[in-house]
Amino acid sequence: MEGFSEKHFGKLIRRTLQGGIFLSLVLLFLGLGFSLAGSPAGGGLLKAGVLALLLTPAARVTVLIYGYWRGGEKYFALASLTVLALLAVSLLV
């Protein structure tokens, strides 16, 4: 596709992972700070930070599906969709 290169695809994946890790770290540090201060909000922020960390790989696979589909790699998009489905099933089990 025009305007969508491997370099752009790699950058999109990197930003997805960095964003998930950054969000997780911010939530975890805020949760730790609130917990040390004795605030009940700390526990919720800690749980949200762990959840963000757990969902980061799923976000990466979602970006892979988008990138492969847009790049015309339908087989890899389908394989990535299968991986995403397996991740979803593992959350339910």
N, C-alpha and C. Protein backbone atom coordinates (compact mmCIF):
# COMPACT_ATOMS: atom_id res chain seq x y z
N MET A 1 0.84 -1.18 0.00
CA MET A 1 0.00 0.00 0.00
C MET A 1 0.88 1.24 0.00
N GLU A 2 0.37 2.25 -0.62
CA GLU A 2 1.09 3.50 -0.70
C GLU A 2 1.08 4.20 0.65
N GLY A 3 2.26 4.67 1.10
CA GLY A 3 2.35 5.41 2.35
C GLY A 3 2.45 4.51 3.58
N PHE A 4 2.58 3.20 3.39
CA PHE A 4 2.67 2.28 4.52
C PHE A 4 3.84 1.34 4.27
N SER A 5 4.97 1.64 4.85
CA SER A 5 6.18 0.85 4.62
C SER A 5 6.48 -0.01 5.85
N GLU A 6 7.47 -0.88 5.69
CA GLU A 6 7.91 -1.71 6.81
C GLU A 6 8.45 -0.84 7.93
N LYS A 7 9.10 0.25 7.57
CA LYS A 7 9.64 1.17 8.57
C LYS A 7 8.51 1.79 9.39
N HIS A 8 7.45 2.20 8.71
CA HIS A 8 6.30 2.77 9.40
C HIS A 8 5.63 1.72 10.27
N PHE A 9 5.53 0.49 9.76
CA PHE A 9 4.93 -0.62 10.48
C PHE A 9 5.72 -0.92 11.76
N GLY A 10 7.03 -0.97 11.65
CA GLY A 10 7.88 -1.20 12.82
C GLY A 10 7.74 -0.11 13.85
N LYS A 11 7.66 1.12 13.38
CA LYS A 11 7.51 2.26 14.29
C LYS A 11 6.16 2.20 15.02
N LEU A 12 5.12 1.79 14.30
CA LEU A 12 3.79 1.66 14.90
C LEU A 12 3.78 0.59 15.99
N ILE A 13 4.44 -0.54 15.74
CA ILE A 13 4.52 -1.60 16.74
C ILE A 13 5.32 -1.12 17.95
N ARG A 14 6.44 -0.47 17.70
CA ARG A 14 7.28 0.03 18.79
C ARG A 14 6.52 1.02 19.66
N ARG A 15 5.80 1.94 19.03
CA ARG A 15 5.03 2.92 19.79
C ARG A 15 3.91 2.28 20.60
N THR A 16 3.31 1.23 20.07
CA THR A 16 2.27 0.52 20.81
C THR A 16 2.84 -0.10 22.07
N LEU A 17 3.99 -0.77 21.94
CA LEU A 17 4.62 -1.38 23.10
C LEU A 17 5.09 -0.34 24.10
N GLN A 18 5.71 0.73 23.61
CA GLN A 18 6.17 1.78 24.50
C GLN A 18 5.01 2.45 25.23
N GLY A 19 3.93 2.68 24.51
CA GLY A 19 2.76 3.29 25.13
C GLY A 19 2.16 2.42 26.22
N GLY A 20 2.07 1.12 25.97
CA GLY A 20 1.54 0.20 26.98
C GLY A 20 2.41 0.14 28.21
N ILE A 21 3.71 0.07 28.01
CA ILE A 21 4.64 0.02 29.13
C ILE A 21 4.62 1.34 29.91
N PHE A 22 4.61 2.45 29.19
CA PHE A 22 4.58 3.76 29.85
C PHE A 22 3.30 3.92 30.68
N LEU A 23 2.15 3.58 30.10
CA LEU A 23 0.89 3.69 30.82
C LEU A 23 0.91 2.80 32.07
N SER A 24 1.42 1.59 31.92
CA SER A 24 1.50 0.68 33.04
C SER A 24 2.39 1.23 34.15
N LEU A 25 3.56 1.75 33.78
CA LEU A 25 4.47 2.31 34.78
C LEU A 25 3.85 3.50 35.51
N VAL A 26 3.20 4.38 34.78
CA VAL A 26 2.57 5.54 35.41
C VAL A 26 1.51 5.09 36.40
N LEU A 27 0.66 4.17 35.98
CA LEU A 27 -0.39 3.68 36.88
C LEU A 27 0.19 2.96 38.09
N LEU A 28 1.23 2.16 37.89
CA LEU A 28 1.83 1.44 39.00
C LEU A 28 2.50 2.39 39.99
N PHE A 29 3.23 3.39 39.48
CA PHE A 29 3.87 4.35 40.39
C PHE A 29 2.85 5.20 41.13
N LEU A 30 1.79 5.62 40.43
CA LEU A 30 0.73 6.36 41.11
C LEU A 30 0.06 5.49 42.17
N GLY A 31 -0.21 4.25 41.82
CA GLY A 31 -0.82 3.34 42.77
C GLY A 31 0.06 3.11 43.98
N LEU A 32 1.36 2.96 43.76
CA LEU A 32 2.29 2.78 44.86
C LEU A 32 2.32 4.02 45.76
N GLY A 33 2.35 5.19 45.11
CA GLY A 33 2.35 6.42 45.88
C GLY A 33 1.10 6.59 46.71
N PHE A 34 -0.05 6.35 46.10
CA PHE A 34 -1.31 6.46 46.84
C PHE A 34 -1.40 5.41 47.95
N SER A 35 -0.90 4.21 47.69
CA SER A 35 -0.93 3.15 48.72
C SER A 35 -0.05 3.52 49.90
N LEU A 36 1.13 4.05 49.62
CA LEU A 36 2.02 4.46 50.71
C LEU A 36 1.45 5.62 51.50
N ALA A 37 0.64 6.45 50.84
CA ALA A 37 0.00 7.58 51.52
C ALA A 37 -1.24 7.14 52.28
N GLY A 38 -1.64 5.88 52.13
CA GLY A 38 -2.80 5.37 52.84
C GLY A 38 -4.12 5.59 52.14
N SER A 39 -4.09 5.96 50.87
CA SER A 39 -5.31 6.21 50.13
C SER A 39 -5.88 4.90 49.57
N PRO A 40 -7.19 4.73 49.65
CA PRO A 40 -7.78 3.50 49.09
C PRO A 40 -7.72 3.45 47.56
N ALA A 41 -7.46 4.57 46.91
CA ALA A 41 -7.38 4.60 45.45
C ALA A 41 -6.13 3.88 44.94
N GLY A 42 -5.15 3.67 45.81
CA GLY A 42 -3.91 3.04 45.39
C GLY A 42 -4.10 1.64 44.86
N GLY A 43 -4.95 0.87 45.52
CA GLY A 43 -5.18 -0.51 45.07
C GLY A 43 -5.76 -0.58 43.67
N GLY A 44 -6.70 0.31 43.39
CA GLY A 44 -7.30 0.33 42.05
C GLY A 44 -6.31 0.73 40.98
N LEU A 45 -5.44 1.68 41.30
CA LEU A 45 -4.43 2.10 40.33
C LEU A 45 -3.40 1.00 40.10
N LEU A 46 -3.05 0.29 41.16
CA LEU A 46 -2.11 -0.83 40.99
C LEU A 46 -2.72 -1.92 40.09
N LYS A 47 -3.99 -2.23 40.30
CA LYS A 47 -4.67 -3.22 39.47
C LYS A 47 -4.76 -2.75 38.02
N ALA A 48 -5.03 -1.46 37.83
CA ALA A 48 -5.11 -0.91 36.47
C ALA A 48 -3.74 -0.97 35.79
N GLY A 49 -2.67 -0.73 36.55
CA GLY A 49 -1.32 -0.82 35.99
C GLY A 49 -0.97 -2.22 35.55
N VAL A 50 -1.33 -3.20 36.36
CA VAL A 50 -1.07 -4.60 35.99
C VAL A 50 -1.92 -4.98 34.78
N LEU A 51 -3.17 -4.54 34.75
CA LEU A 51 -4.04 -4.83 33.61
C LEU A 51 -3.48 -4.22 32.32
N ALA A 52 -2.99 -2.98 32.41
CA ALA A 52 -2.39 -2.34 31.23
C ALA A 52 -1.17 -3.14 30.75
N LEU A 53 -0.39 -3.63 31.70
CA LEU A 53 0.78 -4.43 31.34
C LEU A 53 0.37 -5.74 30.69
N LEU A 54 -0.69 -6.36 31.19
CA LEU A 54 -1.16 -7.62 30.61
C LEU A 54 -1.79 -7.43 29.23
N LEU A 55 -2.41 -6.28 28.99
CA LEU A 55 -3.07 -6.04 27.70
C LEU A 55 -2.13 -5.52 26.62
N THR A 56 -0.91 -5.15 27.00
CA THR A 56 0.05 -4.63 26.02
C THR A 56 0.35 -5.63 24.90
N PRO A 57 0.60 -6.90 25.19
CA PRO A 57 0.82 -7.85 24.07
C PRO A 57 -0.41 -8.00 23.16
N ALA A 58 -1.60 -7.95 23.75
CA ALA A 58 -2.81 -8.04 22.92
C ALA A 58 -2.92 -6.82 22.01
N ALA A 59 -2.54 -5.66 22.52
CA ALA A 59 -2.55 -4.45 21.69
C ALA A 59 -1.54 -4.58 20.55
N ARG A 60 -0.39 -5.18 20.84
CA ARG A 60 0.63 -5.38 19.80
C ARG A 60 0.11 -6.31 18.71
N VAL A 61 -0.55 -7.38 19.10
CA VAL A 61 -1.09 -8.32 18.11
C VAL A 61 -2.17 -7.64 17.28
N THR A 62 -2.98 -6.79 17.91
CA THR A 62 -4.00 -6.04 17.17
C THR A 62 -3.35 -5.13 16.12
N VAL A 63 -2.26 -4.47 16.50
CA VAL A 63 -1.54 -3.62 15.54
C VAL A 63 -0.94 -4.47 14.43
N LEU A 64 -0.46 -5.66 14.78
CA LEU A 64 0.07 -6.57 13.75
C LEU A 64 -1.01 -6.94 12.74
N ILE A 65 -2.21 -7.24 13.23
CA ILE A 65 -3.31 -7.58 12.33
C ILE A 65 -3.57 -6.42 11.37
N TYR A 66 -3.66 -5.22 11.93
CA TYR A 66 -3.89 -4.03 11.09
C TYR A 66 -2.79 -3.85 10.05
N GLY A 67 -1.55 -3.95 10.50
CA GLY A 67 -0.42 -3.73 9.59
C GLY A 67 -0.32 -4.77 8.50
N TYR A 68 -0.49 -6.01 8.87
CA TYR A 68 -0.44 -7.07 7.86
C TYR A 68 -1.59 -6.95 6.87
N TRP A 69 -2.76 -6.65 7.37
CA TRP A 69 -3.91 -6.52 6.47
C TRP A 69 -3.70 -5.36 5.50
N ARG A 70 -3.25 -4.23 6.06
CA ARG A 70 -3.04 -3.05 5.22
C ARG A 70 -1.90 -3.26 4.23
N GLY A 71 -0.91 -4.06 4.63
CA GLY A 71 0.22 -4.34 3.75
C GLY A 71 -0.05 -5.43 2.74
N GLY A 72 -1.25 -6.02 2.78
CA GLY A 72 -1.59 -7.05 1.82
C GLY A 72 -1.16 -8.46 2.22
N GLU A 73 -0.70 -8.62 3.43
CA GLU A 73 -0.27 -9.92 3.93
C GLU A 73 -1.43 -10.60 4.64
N LYS A 74 -2.39 -11.06 3.89
CA LYS A 74 -3.63 -11.62 4.46
C LYS A 74 -3.36 -12.87 5.31
N TYR A 75 -2.40 -13.70 4.89
CA TYR A 75 -2.10 -14.92 5.64
C TYR A 75 -1.58 -14.57 7.04
N PHE A 76 -0.66 -13.62 7.11
CA PHE A 76 -0.11 -13.23 8.41
C PHE A 76 -1.16 -12.51 9.26
N ALA A 77 -2.04 -11.77 8.62
CA ALA A 77 -3.12 -11.12 9.36
C ALA A 77 -4.03 -12.17 9.98
N LEU A 78 -4.32 -13.23 9.24
CA LEU A 78 -5.16 -14.30 9.77
C LEU A 78 -4.45 -15.05 10.89
N ALA A 79 -3.16 -15.29 10.74
CA ALA A 79 -2.38 -15.95 11.79
C ALA A 79 -2.36 -15.09 13.06
N SER A 80 -2.20 -13.78 12.90
CA SER A 80 -2.21 -12.87 14.04
C SER A 80 -3.59 -12.83 14.69
N LEU A 81 -4.63 -12.90 13.89
CA LEU A 81 -5.99 -12.94 14.43
C LEU A 81 -6.20 -14.21 15.25
N THR A 82 -5.62 -15.31 14.81
CA THR A 82 -5.69 -16.55 15.57
C THR A 82 -4.97 -16.41 16.91
N VAL A 83 -3.81 -15.77 16.90
CA VAL A 83 -3.08 -15.53 18.15
C VAL A 83 -3.90 -14.65 19.09
N LEU A 84 -4.54 -13.61 18.55
CA LEU A 84 -5.37 -12.74 19.38
C LEU A 84 -6.54 -13.52 19.97
N ALA A 85 -7.14 -14.40 19.19
CA ALA A 85 -8.23 -15.23 19.70
C ALA A 85 -7.74 -16.14 20.82
N LEU A 86 -6.55 -16.70 20.66
CA LEU A 86 -5.99 -17.56 21.71
C LEU A 86 -5.69 -16.75 22.98
N LEU A 87 -5.23 -15.53 22.83
CA LEU A 87 -5.01 -14.67 23.99
C LEU A 87 -6.33 -14.38 24.71
N ALA A 88 -7.37 -14.14 23.93
CA ALA A 88 -8.69 -13.86 24.52
C ALA A 88 -9.22 -15.09 25.26
N VAL A 89 -9.05 -16.26 24.67
CA VAL A 89 -9.49 -17.49 25.32
C VAL A 89 -8.71 -17.72 26.61
N SER A 90 -7.41 -17.44 26.58
CA SER A 90 -6.60 -17.66 27.79
C SER A 90 -7.02 -16.72 28.92
N LEU A 91 -7.54 -15.56 28.58
CA LEU A 91 -8.05 -14.65 29.62
C LEU A 91 -9.31 -15.22 30.28
N LEU A 92 -10.11 -15.92 29.51
CA LEU A 92 -11.36 -16.45 30.02
C LEU A 92 -11.16 -17.73 30.84
N VAL A 93 -10.07 -18.42 30.58
CA VAL A 93 -9.84 -19.71 31.27
C VAL A 93 -9.20 -19.51 32.60
